Amino acid sequence: MADMVQDLFLTIVLVATGATLLGLLGLALLHRRLRRLRVPPNAGLATTLRVVPLALVVVLDLLDLGLDVFATPLVWVVLSRYRLQALRNTAALEALIPMTQVIPTMTLAWFGVRLLGLGEPALADDILDAEEVSPGRYAPRAGRR
């Protein structure tokens, strides 16, 4: 019986360590793509989920699985850095709920938003690459397409 408990504990530790390492590696690989991500101002959760790549929500679920409630501050900082506030709040709240780590809730929400047609899709024409030159006046940024 003691061997079985020890094997179970070792399996849990290995899964948590693997999930954490995969999550951190995924964040490192997604960094460049997330920096260029444009989320509409005041976007809700559904709209934000329509904009972010599937890999990000999988990484968030892996970190949640590997780090349990300790993933909350990491998720908060990472999503704040990429200006994904709606996703940040939901992911942090979900990471605090005990025993939900084995359920990939963010991934399921990502698929649910797309299957149900929730949120506003991001349109490339709505994104302007301009800077404010005076109050209410904008000019195209130099050197960018």
N, C-alpha and C. Protein backbone atom coordinates (compact mmCIF):
# COMPACT_ATOMS: atom_id res chain seq x y z
N MET A 1 0.82 -1.19 0.00
CA MET A 1 0.00 0.00 0.00
C MET A 1 0.87 1.27 0.00
N ALA A 2 1.96 1.23 0.77
CA ALA A 2 2.84 2.39 0.84
C ALA A 2 3.52 2.62 -0.51
N ASP A 3 3.85 1.54 -1.22
CA ASP A 3 4.47 1.67 -2.54
C ASP A 3 3.50 2.29 -3.54
N MET A 4 2.24 1.94 -3.43
CA MET A 4 1.24 2.48 -4.33
C MET A 4 1.06 3.99 -4.10
N VAL A 5 1.05 4.41 -2.86
CA VAL A 5 0.93 5.83 -2.53
C VAL A 5 2.17 6.58 -3.01
N GLN A 6 3.32 5.97 -2.82
CA GLN A 6 4.56 6.59 -3.26
C GLN A 6 4.59 6.71 -4.79
N ASP A 7 4.14 5.69 -5.50
CA ASP A 7 4.07 5.75 -6.95
C ASP A 7 3.09 6.81 -7.44
N LEU A 8 1.96 6.93 -6.76
CA LEU A 8 0.97 7.94 -7.11
C LEU A 8 1.54 9.34 -6.90
N PHE A 9 2.21 9.54 -5.78
CA PHE A 9 2.83 10.84 -5.49
C PHE A 9 3.89 11.18 -6.53
N LEU A 10 4.72 10.21 -6.90
CA LEU A 10 5.75 10.43 -7.90
C LEU A 10 5.14 10.77 -9.26
N THR A 11 4.06 10.10 -9.61
CA THR A 11 3.37 10.38 -10.88
C THR A 11 2.81 11.80 -10.89
N ILE A 12 2.21 12.20 -9.79
CA ILE A 12 1.66 13.57 -9.70
C ILE A 12 2.76 14.60 -9.81
N VAL A 13 3.87 14.38 -9.16
CA VAL A 13 5.00 15.31 -9.22
C VAL A 13 5.56 15.38 -10.64
N LEU A 14 5.69 14.24 -11.31
CA LEU A 14 6.21 14.23 -12.67
C LEU A 14 5.27 14.93 -13.65
N VAL A 15 3.98 14.71 -13.51
CA VAL A 15 3.00 15.38 -14.38
C VAL A 15 3.03 16.88 -14.14
N ALA A 16 3.06 17.30 -12.88
CA ALA A 16 3.09 18.73 -12.56
C ALA A 16 4.36 19.39 -13.08
N THR A 17 5.49 18.72 -12.92
CA THR A 17 6.75 19.27 -13.41
C THR A 17 6.76 19.36 -14.93
N GLY A 18 6.31 18.31 -15.59
CA GLY A 18 6.25 18.33 -17.06
C GLY A 18 5.32 19.40 -17.58
N ALA A 19 4.15 19.54 -16.96
CA ALA A 19 3.19 20.56 -17.39
C ALA A 19 3.76 21.97 -17.20
N THR A 20 4.44 22.18 -16.08
CA THR A 20 5.03 23.49 -15.82
C THR A 20 6.11 23.82 -16.84
N LEU A 21 6.99 22.86 -17.10
CA LEU A 21 8.06 23.10 -18.07
C LEU A 21 7.51 23.34 -19.47
N LEU A 22 6.51 22.55 -19.87
CA LEU A 22 5.89 22.76 -21.18
C LEU A 22 5.20 24.12 -21.25
N GLY A 23 4.55 24.52 -20.17
CA GLY A 23 3.88 25.81 -20.13
C GLY A 23 4.86 26.97 -20.25
N LEU A 24 5.97 26.89 -19.52
CA LEU A 24 6.98 27.96 -19.59
C LEU A 24 7.65 28.00 -20.95
N LEU A 25 7.92 26.83 -21.53
CA LEU A 25 8.49 26.78 -22.87
C LEU A 25 7.51 27.36 -23.89
N GLY A 26 6.24 27.04 -23.74
CA GLY A 26 5.22 27.58 -24.63
C GLY A 26 5.13 29.09 -24.55
N LEU A 27 5.22 29.63 -23.33
CA LEU A 27 5.20 31.09 -23.18
C LEU A 27 6.39 31.73 -23.87
N ALA A 28 7.55 31.10 -23.74
CA ALA A 28 8.75 31.64 -24.39
C ALA A 28 8.59 31.62 -25.91
N LEU A 29 8.00 30.56 -26.44
CA LEU A 29 7.82 30.46 -27.88
C LEU A 29 6.73 31.41 -28.40
N LEU A 30 5.75 31.73 -27.57
CA LEU A 30 4.65 32.60 -27.98
C LEU A 30 4.94 34.09 -27.78
N HIS A 31 6.03 34.41 -27.11
CA HIS A 31 6.31 35.80 -26.73
C HIS A 31 6.21 36.76 -27.92
N ARG A 32 6.85 36.46 -29.00
CA ARG A 32 6.87 37.37 -30.14
C ARG A 32 5.48 37.56 -30.74
N ARG A 33 4.74 36.47 -30.84
CA ARG A 33 3.39 36.54 -31.40
C ARG A 33 2.45 37.33 -30.50
N LEU A 34 2.60 37.16 -29.19
CA LEU A 34 1.73 37.86 -28.25
C LEU A 34 2.04 39.35 -28.20
N ARG A 35 3.27 39.73 -28.43
CA ARG A 35 3.62 41.15 -28.46
C ARG A 35 2.92 41.88 -29.58
N ARG A 36 2.70 41.20 -30.71
CA ARG A 36 2.06 41.83 -31.87
C ARG A 36 0.55 41.71 -31.84
N LEU A 37 0.01 41.07 -30.84
CA LEU A 37 -1.42 40.84 -30.75
C LEU A 37 -2.15 42.16 -30.50
N ARG A 38 -3.21 42.40 -31.24
CA ARG A 38 -4.01 43.61 -31.08
C ARG A 38 -5.40 43.23 -30.61
N VAL A 39 -5.71 43.61 -29.40
CA VAL A 39 -7.03 43.34 -28.82
C VAL A 39 -7.80 44.65 -28.80
N PRO A 40 -9.05 44.65 -29.25
CA PRO A 40 -9.83 45.88 -29.23
C PRO A 40 -9.94 46.44 -27.81
N PRO A 41 -9.98 47.76 -27.67
CA PRO A 41 -10.10 48.36 -26.34
C PRO A 41 -11.40 47.91 -25.66
N ASN A 42 -11.35 47.68 -24.38
CA ASN A 42 -12.49 47.26 -23.57
C ASN A 42 -13.13 45.97 -24.09
N ALA A 43 -12.32 45.08 -24.62
CA ALA A 43 -12.83 43.80 -25.12
C ALA A 43 -13.20 42.90 -23.94
N GLY A 44 -14.29 42.18 -24.10
CA GLY A 44 -14.71 41.24 -23.08
C GLY A 44 -13.97 39.92 -23.24
N LEU A 45 -14.35 38.96 -22.42
CA LEU A 45 -13.68 37.66 -22.45
C LEU A 45 -13.87 36.97 -23.80
N ALA A 46 -15.09 36.95 -24.32
CA ALA A 46 -15.35 36.26 -25.58
C ALA A 46 -14.57 36.89 -26.74
N THR A 47 -14.54 38.20 -26.80
CA THR A 47 -13.80 38.87 -27.86
C THR A 47 -12.31 38.62 -27.73
N THR A 48 -11.80 38.64 -26.51
CA THR A 48 -10.39 38.37 -26.29
C THR A 48 -10.05 36.94 -26.68
N LEU A 49 -10.92 36.00 -26.34
CA LEU A 49 -10.66 34.61 -26.72
C LEU A 49 -10.70 34.42 -28.23
N ARG A 50 -11.45 35.24 -28.95
CA ARG A 50 -11.47 35.16 -30.41
C ARG A 50 -10.17 35.66 -31.02
N VAL A 51 -9.47 36.54 -30.30
CA VAL A 51 -8.25 37.14 -30.82
C VAL A 51 -7.00 36.32 -30.50
N VAL A 52 -6.95 35.71 -29.31
CA VAL A 52 -5.73 35.02 -28.89
C VAL A 52 -5.60 33.67 -29.58
N PRO A 53 -4.36 33.21 -29.78
CA PRO A 53 -4.17 31.90 -30.40
C PRO A 53 -4.49 30.76 -29.43
N LEU A 54 -4.84 29.61 -29.99
CA LEU A 54 -5.13 28.42 -29.20
C LEU A 54 -3.95 28.04 -28.31
N ALA A 55 -2.74 28.23 -28.82
CA ALA A 55 -1.55 27.85 -28.06
C ALA A 55 -1.48 28.59 -26.72
N LEU A 56 -1.94 29.83 -26.66
CA LEU A 56 -1.88 30.58 -25.40
C LEU A 56 -2.80 29.96 -24.35
N VAL A 57 -4.01 29.61 -24.72
CA VAL A 57 -4.92 29.05 -23.72
C VAL A 57 -4.47 27.65 -23.29
N VAL A 58 -3.85 26.91 -24.20
CA VAL A 58 -3.30 25.60 -23.82
C VAL A 58 -2.15 25.79 -22.83
N VAL A 59 -1.31 26.78 -23.08
CA VAL A 59 -0.20 27.08 -22.16
C VAL A 59 -0.73 27.49 -20.80
N LEU A 60 -1.78 28.30 -20.77
CA LEU A 60 -2.37 28.71 -19.49
C LEU A 60 -2.91 27.51 -18.73
N ASP A 61 -3.55 26.58 -19.44
CA ASP A 61 -4.06 25.38 -18.78
C ASP A 61 -2.92 24.48 -18.29
N LEU A 62 -1.83 24.41 -19.04
CA LEU A 62 -0.68 23.62 -18.59
C LEU A 62 -0.07 24.22 -17.32
N LEU A 63 0.07 25.54 -17.29
CA LEU A 63 0.59 26.19 -16.09
C LEU A 63 -0.34 25.98 -14.90
N ASP A 64 -1.63 26.05 -15.15
CA ASP A 64 -2.60 25.82 -14.08
C ASP A 64 -2.50 24.39 -13.55
N LEU A 65 -2.31 23.44 -14.45
CA LEU A 65 -2.17 22.04 -14.04
C LEU A 65 -0.88 21.84 -13.26
N GLY A 66 0.20 22.42 -13.74
CA GLY A 66 1.50 22.19 -13.10
C GLY A 66 1.71 22.94 -11.80
N LEU A 67 1.22 24.16 -11.72
CA LEU A 67 1.50 25.00 -10.56
C LEU A 67 0.33 25.16 -9.59
N ASP A 68 -0.82 24.65 -9.95
CA ASP A 68 -2.02 24.73 -9.12
C ASP A 68 -2.30 26.21 -8.80
N VAL A 69 -2.55 26.57 -7.57
CA VAL A 69 -2.89 27.96 -7.24
C VAL A 69 -1.69 28.90 -7.36
N PHE A 70 -0.48 28.35 -7.43
CA PHE A 70 0.70 29.19 -7.58
C PHE A 70 0.83 29.74 -9.00
N ALA A 71 0.00 29.27 -9.91
CA ALA A 71 0.00 29.78 -11.27
C ALA A 71 -0.66 31.16 -11.35
N THR A 72 -1.48 31.49 -10.38
CA THR A 72 -2.24 32.74 -10.43
C THR A 72 -1.36 33.98 -10.58
N PRO A 73 -0.32 34.18 -9.75
CA PRO A 73 0.49 35.39 -9.94
C PRO A 73 1.25 35.39 -11.26
N LEU A 74 1.70 34.22 -11.69
CA LEU A 74 2.42 34.15 -12.96
C LEU A 74 1.49 34.49 -14.13
N VAL A 75 0.30 33.92 -14.12
CA VAL A 75 -0.69 34.20 -15.17
C VAL A 75 -1.07 35.68 -15.15
N TRP A 76 -1.25 36.24 -13.98
CA TRP A 76 -1.61 37.64 -13.84
C TRP A 76 -0.56 38.55 -14.47
N VAL A 77 0.70 38.30 -14.17
CA VAL A 77 1.79 39.14 -14.68
C VAL A 77 1.93 38.97 -16.19
N VAL A 78 1.91 37.74 -16.66
CA VAL A 78 2.10 37.48 -18.09
C VAL A 78 0.98 38.11 -18.92
N LEU A 79 -0.26 37.90 -18.52
CA LEU A 79 -1.38 38.44 -19.30
C LEU A 79 -1.48 39.96 -19.17
N SER A 80 -1.05 40.51 -18.06
CA SER A 80 -1.01 41.98 -17.93
C SER A 80 0.02 42.55 -18.89
N ARG A 81 1.14 41.89 -19.01
CA ARG A 81 2.21 42.36 -19.90
C ARG A 81 1.74 42.43 -21.36
N TYR A 82 0.89 41.51 -21.75
CA TYR A 82 0.40 41.48 -23.13
C TYR A 82 -0.96 42.17 -23.28
N ARG A 83 -1.40 42.91 -22.28
CA ARG A 83 -2.64 43.69 -22.31
C ARG A 83 -3.87 42.83 -22.60
N LEU A 84 -3.95 41.69 -21.95
CA LEU A 84 -5.09 40.79 -22.10
C LEU A 84 -5.87 40.74 -20.79
N GLN A 85 -6.41 41.89 -20.37
CA GLN A 85 -7.04 42.02 -19.07
C GLN A 85 -8.24 41.11 -18.89
N ALA A 86 -9.11 40.99 -19.87
CA ALA A 86 -10.30 40.15 -19.73
C ALA A 86 -9.89 38.69 -19.53
N LEU A 87 -8.91 38.26 -20.26
CA LEU A 87 -8.42 36.89 -20.12
C LEU A 87 -7.68 36.72 -18.80
N ARG A 88 -6.95 37.75 -18.40
CA ARG A 88 -6.19 37.72 -17.15
C ARG A 88 -7.11 37.50 -15.96
N ASN A 89 -8.17 38.28 -15.89
CA ASN A 89 -9.07 38.19 -14.74
C ASN A 89 -9.72 36.81 -14.66
N THR A 90 -10.17 36.30 -15.78
CA THR A 90 -10.83 35.00 -15.80
C THR A 90 -9.86 33.87 -15.49
N ALA A 91 -8.67 33.92 -16.09
CA ALA A 91 -7.67 32.87 -15.86
C ALA A 91 -7.20 32.87 -14.41
N ALA A 92 -7.03 34.05 -13.83
CA ALA A 92 -6.60 34.11 -12.44
C ALA A 92 -7.67 33.58 -11.50
N LEU A 93 -8.91 33.92 -11.76
CA LEU A 93 -10.01 33.42 -10.94
C LEU A 93 -10.13 31.91 -11.06
N GLU A 94 -10.01 31.40 -12.28
CA GLU A 94 -10.11 29.96 -12.50
C GLU A 94 -8.94 29.23 -11.84
N ALA A 95 -7.76 29.83 -11.83
CA ALA A 95 -6.60 29.19 -11.22
C ALA A 95 -6.73 29.11 -9.70
N LEU A 96 -7.52 30.00 -9.12
CA LEU A 96 -7.70 29.98 -7.67
C LEU A 96 -8.71 28.94 -7.19
N ILE A 97 -9.56 28.46 -8.09
CA ILE A 97 -10.58 27.48 -7.70
C ILE A 97 -9.92 26.11 -7.57
N PRO A 98 -9.97 25.52 -6.40
CA PRO A 98 -9.31 24.23 -6.19
C PRO A 98 -9.97 23.10 -6.97
N MET A 99 -9.17 22.14 -7.35
CA MET A 99 -9.59 20.91 -8.02
C MET A 99 -10.10 21.12 -9.44
N THR A 100 -9.83 22.25 -10.05
CA THR A 100 -10.21 22.45 -11.45
C THR A 100 -8.99 22.36 -12.37
N GLN A 101 -7.85 22.04 -11.81
CA GLN A 101 -6.63 22.05 -12.59
C GLN A 101 -6.60 20.98 -13.68
N VAL A 102 -7.24 19.87 -13.46
CA VAL A 102 -7.21 18.80 -14.46
C VAL A 102 -8.18 19.06 -15.61
N ILE A 103 -9.07 20.04 -15.46
CA ILE A 103 -10.02 20.39 -16.52
C ILE A 103 -9.43 21.56 -17.30
N PRO A 104 -9.21 21.41 -18.60
CA PRO A 104 -8.64 22.52 -19.39
C PRO A 104 -9.71 23.57 -19.70
N THR A 105 -10.11 24.33 -18.70
CA THR A 105 -11.24 25.23 -18.83
C THR A 105 -11.02 26.35 -19.86
N MET A 106 -9.81 26.90 -19.90
CA MET A 106 -9.56 27.99 -20.86
C MET A 106 -9.59 27.45 -22.29
N THR A 107 -9.08 26.26 -22.50
CA THR A 107 -9.11 25.66 -23.84
C THR A 107 -10.55 25.36 -24.25
N LEU A 108 -11.33 24.83 -23.32
CA LEU A 108 -12.74 24.55 -23.61
C LEU A 108 -13.50 25.85 -23.90
N ALA A 109 -13.18 26.91 -23.17
CA ALA A 109 -13.81 28.20 -23.41
C ALA A 109 -13.42 28.75 -24.78
N TRP A 110 -12.16 28.57 -25.18
CA TRP A 110 -11.69 29.03 -26.49
C TRP A 110 -12.50 28.36 -27.60
N PHE A 111 -12.67 27.03 -27.50
CA PHE A 111 -13.45 26.31 -28.51
C PHE A 111 -14.93 26.69 -28.42
N GLY A 112 -15.45 26.85 -27.21
CA GLY A 112 -16.85 27.22 -27.03
C GLY A 112 -17.19 28.56 -27.65
N VAL A 113 -16.31 29.54 -27.49
CA VAL A 113 -16.53 30.87 -28.06
C VAL A 113 -16.61 30.78 -29.58
N ARG A 114 -15.76 29.98 -30.17
CA ARG A 114 -15.77 29.84 -31.62
C ARG A 114 -16.97 29.03 -32.13
N LEU A 115 -17.30 27.97 -31.44
CA LEU A 115 -18.42 27.13 -31.87
C LEU A 115 -19.76 27.85 -31.72
N LEU A 116 -19.89 28.66 -30.67
CA LEU A 116 -21.14 29.37 -30.42
C LEU A 116 -21.18 30.75 -31.09
N GLY A 117 -20.08 31.17 -31.68
CA GLY A 117 -20.04 32.46 -32.36
C GLY A 117 -20.12 33.64 -31.42
N LEU A 118 -19.58 33.52 -30.24
CA LEU A 118 -19.61 34.61 -29.26
C LEU A 118 -18.48 35.60 -29.52
N GLY A 119 -18.64 36.81 -29.04
CA GLY A 119 -17.59 37.82 -29.17
C GLY A 119 -17.52 38.41 -30.56
N GLU A 120 -16.77 39.46 -30.67
CA GLU A 120 -16.58 40.15 -31.95
C GLU A 120 -15.26 39.71 -32.56
N PRO A 121 -15.28 39.25 -33.81
CA PRO A 121 -14.01 38.91 -34.46
C PRO A 121 -13.20 40.16 -34.74
N ALA A 122 -11.89 40.03 -34.62
CA ALA A 122 -11.01 41.17 -34.89
C ALA A 122 -10.88 41.35 -36.39
N LEU A 123 -11.09 42.56 -36.85
CA LEU A 123 -10.97 42.87 -38.27
C LEU A 123 -9.68 43.64 -38.50
N ALA A 124 -8.94 43.25 -39.50
CA ALA A 124 -7.66 43.91 -39.78
C ALA A 124 -7.86 45.37 -40.16
N ASP A 125 -9.00 45.69 -40.79
CA ASP A 125 -9.24 47.07 -41.22
C ASP A 125 -9.53 48.01 -40.06
N ASP A 126 -9.92 47.46 -38.91
CA ASP A 126 -10.24 48.30 -37.77
C ASP A 126 -8.99 48.75 -37.01
N ILE A 127 -7.87 48.15 -37.29
CA ILE A 127 -6.66 48.47 -36.56
C ILE A 127 -5.89 49.53 -37.34
N LEU A 128 -5.69 50.64 -36.71
CA LEU A 128 -4.97 51.74 -37.35
C LEU A 128 -3.57 51.80 -36.76
N ASP A 129 -2.61 51.98 -37.62
CA ASP A 129 -1.24 52.14 -37.16
C ASP A 129 -0.91 53.62 -37.23
N ALA A 130 -1.36 54.34 -36.21
CA ALA A 130 -1.19 55.80 -36.19
C ALA A 130 -0.81 56.23 -34.78
N GLU A 131 -0.34 57.44 -34.70
CA GLU A 131 -0.03 58.02 -33.40
C GLU A 131 -0.73 59.37 -33.29
N GLU A 132 -1.06 59.72 -32.07
CA GLU A 132 -1.76 60.97 -31.84
C GLU A 132 -0.75 62.11 -31.87
N VAL A 133 -0.95 63.06 -32.77
CA VAL A 133 -0.05 64.21 -32.89
C VAL A 133 -0.54 65.39 -32.07
N SER A 134 -1.83 65.50 -31.89
CA SER A 134 -2.43 66.50 -31.02
C SER A 134 -3.79 65.93 -30.61
N PRO A 135 -4.43 66.52 -29.62
CA PRO A 135 -5.70 65.97 -29.17
C PRO A 135 -6.71 65.83 -30.31
N GLY A 136 -7.09 64.58 -30.61
CA GLY A 136 -8.07 64.31 -31.64
C GLY A 136 -7.51 64.22 -33.06
N ARG A 137 -6.21 64.45 -33.24
CA ARG A 137 -5.58 64.38 -34.58
C ARG A 137 -4.56 63.26 -34.59
N TYR A 138 -4.63 62.43 -35.64
CA TYR A 138 -3.74 61.29 -35.76
C TYR A 138 -3.02 61.33 -37.09
N ALA A 139 -1.79 60.83 -37.08
CA ALA A 139 -0.98 60.75 -38.31
C ALA A 139 -0.42 59.34 -38.41
N PRO A 140 -0.27 58.87 -39.66
CA PRO A 140 0.32 57.51 -39.81
C PRO A 140 1.72 57.47 -39.21
N ARG A 141 2.05 56.30 -38.65
CA ARG A 141 3.40 56.14 -38.10
C ARG A 141 4.39 56.01 -39.24
N ALA A 142 5.52 56.63 -39.05
CA ALA A 142 6.57 56.58 -40.07
C ALA A 142 7.31 55.25 -39.99
N GLY A 143 7.66 54.75 -41.17
CA GLY A 143 8.48 53.53 -41.22
C GLY A 143 7.74 52.24 -40.97
N ARG A 144 6.41 52.24 -40.97
CA ARG A 144 5.63 51.02 -40.72
C ARG A 144 4.64 50.83 -41.83
N ARG A 145 4.29 49.58 -42.05
CA ARG A 145 3.25 49.25 -43.03
C ARG A 145 2.09 48.64 -42.34
